[in-house]
Amino acid sequence: MLCIVYKSARRPETFVYVAEPEALEKLPAALHQGLGALNEVLRFELTAQRKLAREDARLVLQNLEAIGYHIQFPPAELIPPVDPTG
């Protein structure tokens, strides 16, 4: 399956995987707004056996088939902790 990866302009290290550019229209409005502009960074043929840097290819494929997109959020160590005191 063709896989197109877009990088969020607003959220560092956050990527959206789709099988076709039109699938970006399936993103919920609030999610799309939170991600900001999406810039294409990569196209490749995705198979269940393909090794991906931070994602499980089978999960990405499942999400593409079930909901039309997959979101890759930054690893936990890159997300700054929330200050509980405000």
C-alpha atoms as a PDB file:
ATOM      1  CA  MET A   1       0.000   0.000   0.000  1.00  0.00           C
ATOM      2  CA  LEU A   2       1.241   3.483  -0.809  1.00  0.00           C
ATOM      3  CA  CYS A   3       1.900   5.489   2.333  1.00  0.00           C
ATOM      4  CA  ILE A   4       2.315   9.259   2.393  1.00  0.00           C
ATOM      5  CA  VAL A   5       3.709  10.881   5.531  1.00  0.00           C
ATOM      6  CA  TYR A   6       3.019  14.499   6.480  1.00  0.00           C
ATOM      7  CA  LYS A   7       4.774  16.463   9.206  1.00  0.00           C
ATOM      8  CA  SER A   8       2.849  18.825  11.461  1.00  0.00           C
ATOM      9  CA  ALA A   9       4.033  22.432  11.277  1.00  0.00           C
ATOM     10  CA  ARG A  10       2.642  23.146  14.744  1.00  0.00           C
ATOM     11  CA  ARG A  11       3.528  19.981  16.687  1.00  0.00           C
ATOM     12  CA  PRO A  12       7.202  18.903  16.662  1.00  0.00           C
ATOM     13  CA  GLU A  13       7.844  15.224  15.921  1.00  0.00           C
ATOM     14  CA  THR A  14       4.184  14.618  15.016  1.00  0.00           C
ATOM     15  CA  PHE A  15       3.374  12.930  11.708  1.00  0.00           C
ATOM     16  CA  VAL A  16       0.226  11.897   9.832  1.00  0.00           C
ATOM     17  CA  TYR A  17       0.283   8.765   7.650  1.00  0.00           C
ATOM     18  CA  VAL A  18      -2.299   8.378   4.855  1.00  0.00           C
ATOM     19  CA  ALA A  19      -2.680   6.194   1.768  1.00  0.00           C
ATOM     20  CA  GLU A  20      -3.847   9.098  -0.414  1.00  0.00           C
ATOM     21  CA  PRO A  21      -3.783  12.887   0.026  1.00  0.00           C
ATOM     22  CA  GLU A  22      -7.595  13.058   0.064  1.00  0.00           C
ATOM     23  CA  ALA A  23      -7.564  11.077   3.324  1.00  0.00           C
ATOM     24  CA  LEU A  24      -6.421  14.231   5.139  1.00  0.00           C
ATOM     25  CA  GLU A  25     -10.026  15.390   4.768  1.00  0.00           C
ATOM     26  CA  LYS A  26     -11.030  12.533   7.122  1.00  0.00           C
ATOM     27  CA  LEU A  27      -9.072  14.036  10.014  1.00  0.00           C
ATOM     28  CA  PRO A  28     -11.379  15.405  12.710  1.00  0.00           C
ATOM     29  CA  ALA A  29     -11.485  19.214  12.491  1.00  0.00           C
ATOM     30  CA  ALA A  30     -10.085  19.703  16.009  1.00  0.00           C
ATOM     31  CA  LEU A  31      -7.154  17.382  15.271  1.00  0.00           C
ATOM     32  CA  HIS A  32      -6.426  19.060  11.948  1.00  0.00           C
ATOM     33  CA  GLN A  33      -6.532  22.464  13.631  1.00  0.00           C
ATOM     34  CA  GLY A  34      -4.199  21.300  16.420  1.00  0.00           C
ATOM     35  CA  LEU A  35      -1.673  19.962  13.925  1.00  0.00           C
ATOM     36  CA  GLY A  36      -1.576  23.118  11.832  1.00  0.00           C
ATOM     37  CA  ALA A  37      -0.256  22.955   8.286  1.00  0.00           C
ATOM     38  CA  LEU A  38       0.786  19.499   7.123  1.00  0.00           C
ATOM     39  CA  ASN A  39       3.807  19.206   4.839  1.00  0.00           C
ATOM     40  CA  GLU A  40       4.551  16.040   2.879  1.00  0.00           C
ATOM     41  CA  VAL A  41       7.895  14.559   3.878  1.00  0.00           C
ATOM     42  CA  LEU A  42       7.885  10.993   2.550  1.00  0.00           C
ATOM     43  CA  ARG A  43       6.189   8.482   0.229  1.00  0.00           C
ATOM     44  CA  PHE A  44       6.888   4.760   0.348  1.00  0.00           C
ATOM     45  CA  GLU A  45       5.333   1.344  -0.127  1.00  0.00           C
ATOM     46  CA  LEU A  46       4.089   0.108   3.267  1.00  0.00           C
ATOM     47  CA  THR A  47       3.868  -3.593   4.031  1.00  0.00           C
ATOM     48  CA  ALA A  48       3.354  -5.385   7.345  1.00  0.00           C
ATOM     49  CA  GLN A  49       6.996  -6.512   7.220  1.00  0.00           C
ATOM     50  CA  ARG A  50       8.432  -3.033   6.674  1.00  0.00           C
ATOM     51  CA  LYS A  51      10.535  -1.670   9.527  1.00  0.00           C
ATOM     52  CA  LEU A  52       9.551   1.843  10.594  1.00  0.00           C
ATOM     53  CA  ALA A  53      11.646   3.998  12.919  1.00  0.00           C
ATOM     54  CA  ARG A  54       9.020   4.627  15.623  1.00  0.00           C
ATOM     55  CA  GLU A  55       5.859   2.813  14.596  1.00  0.00           C
ATOM     56  CA  ASP A  56       4.653  -0.743  14.111  1.00  0.00           C
ATOM     57  CA  ALA A  57       3.909  -1.142  10.392  1.00  0.00           C
ATOM     58  CA  ARG A  58       0.998  -3.495  11.127  1.00  0.00           C
ATOM     59  CA  LEU A  59      -0.666  -0.900  13.367  1.00  0.00           C
ATOM     60  CA  VAL A  60      -0.189   1.806  10.746  1.00  0.00           C
ATOM     61  CA  LEU A  61      -1.743  -0.456   8.103  1.00  0.00           C
ATOM     62  CA  GLN A  62      -4.675  -1.298  10.401  1.00  0.00           C
ATOM     63  CA  ASN A  63      -5.371   2.381  11.053  1.00  0.00           C
ATOM     64  CA  LEU A  64      -5.089   3.304   7.366  1.00  0.00           C
ATOM     65  CA  GLU A  65      -7.603   0.598   6.480  1.00  0.00           C
ATOM     66  CA  ALA A  66      -9.989   1.238   9.409  1.00  0.00           C
ATOM     67  CA  ILE A  67     -10.051   5.047   9.716  1.00  0.00           C
ATOM     68  CA  GLY A  68      -7.996   6.281   6.751  1.00  0.00           C
ATOM     69  CA  TYR A  69      -5.080   7.788   8.686  1.00  0.00           C
ATOM     70  CA  HIS A  70      -2.526   7.132  11.423  1.00  0.00           C
ATOM     71  CA  ILE A  71      -1.032   9.738  13.776  1.00  0.00           C
ATOM     72  CA  GLN A  72       2.519   9.341  15.070  1.00  0.00           C
ATOM     73  CA  PHE A  73       3.005  11.394  18.215  1.00  0.00           C
ATOM     74  CA  PRO A  74       6.436  12.255  19.622  1.00  0.00           C
ATOM     75  CA  PRO A  75       8.061   9.774  21.983  1.00  0.00           C
ATOM     76  CA  ALA A  76       7.250  10.403  25.653  1.00  0.00           C
ATOM     77  CA  GLU A  77      10.808  11.531  26.412  1.00  0.00           C
ATOM     78  CA  LEU A  78      10.377  14.452  23.974  1.00  0.00           C
ATOM     79  CA  ILE A  79       7.147  15.713  25.538  1.00  0.00           C
ATOM     80  CA  PRO A  80       7.827  18.253  28.288  1.00  0.00           C
ATOM     81  CA  PRO A  81       6.243  17.369  31.647  1.00  0.00           C
ATOM     82  CA  VAL A  82       3.191  19.290  32.800  1.00  0.00           C
ATOM     83  CA  ASP A  83       3.724  21.556  35.793  1.00  0.00           C
ATOM     84  CA  PRO A  84       0.899  20.633  38.241  1.00  0.00           C
ATOM     85  CA  THR A  85       1.210  23.993  40.024  1.00  0.00           C
ATOM     86  CA  GLY A  86       0.147  25.817  36.913  1.00  0.00           C
END
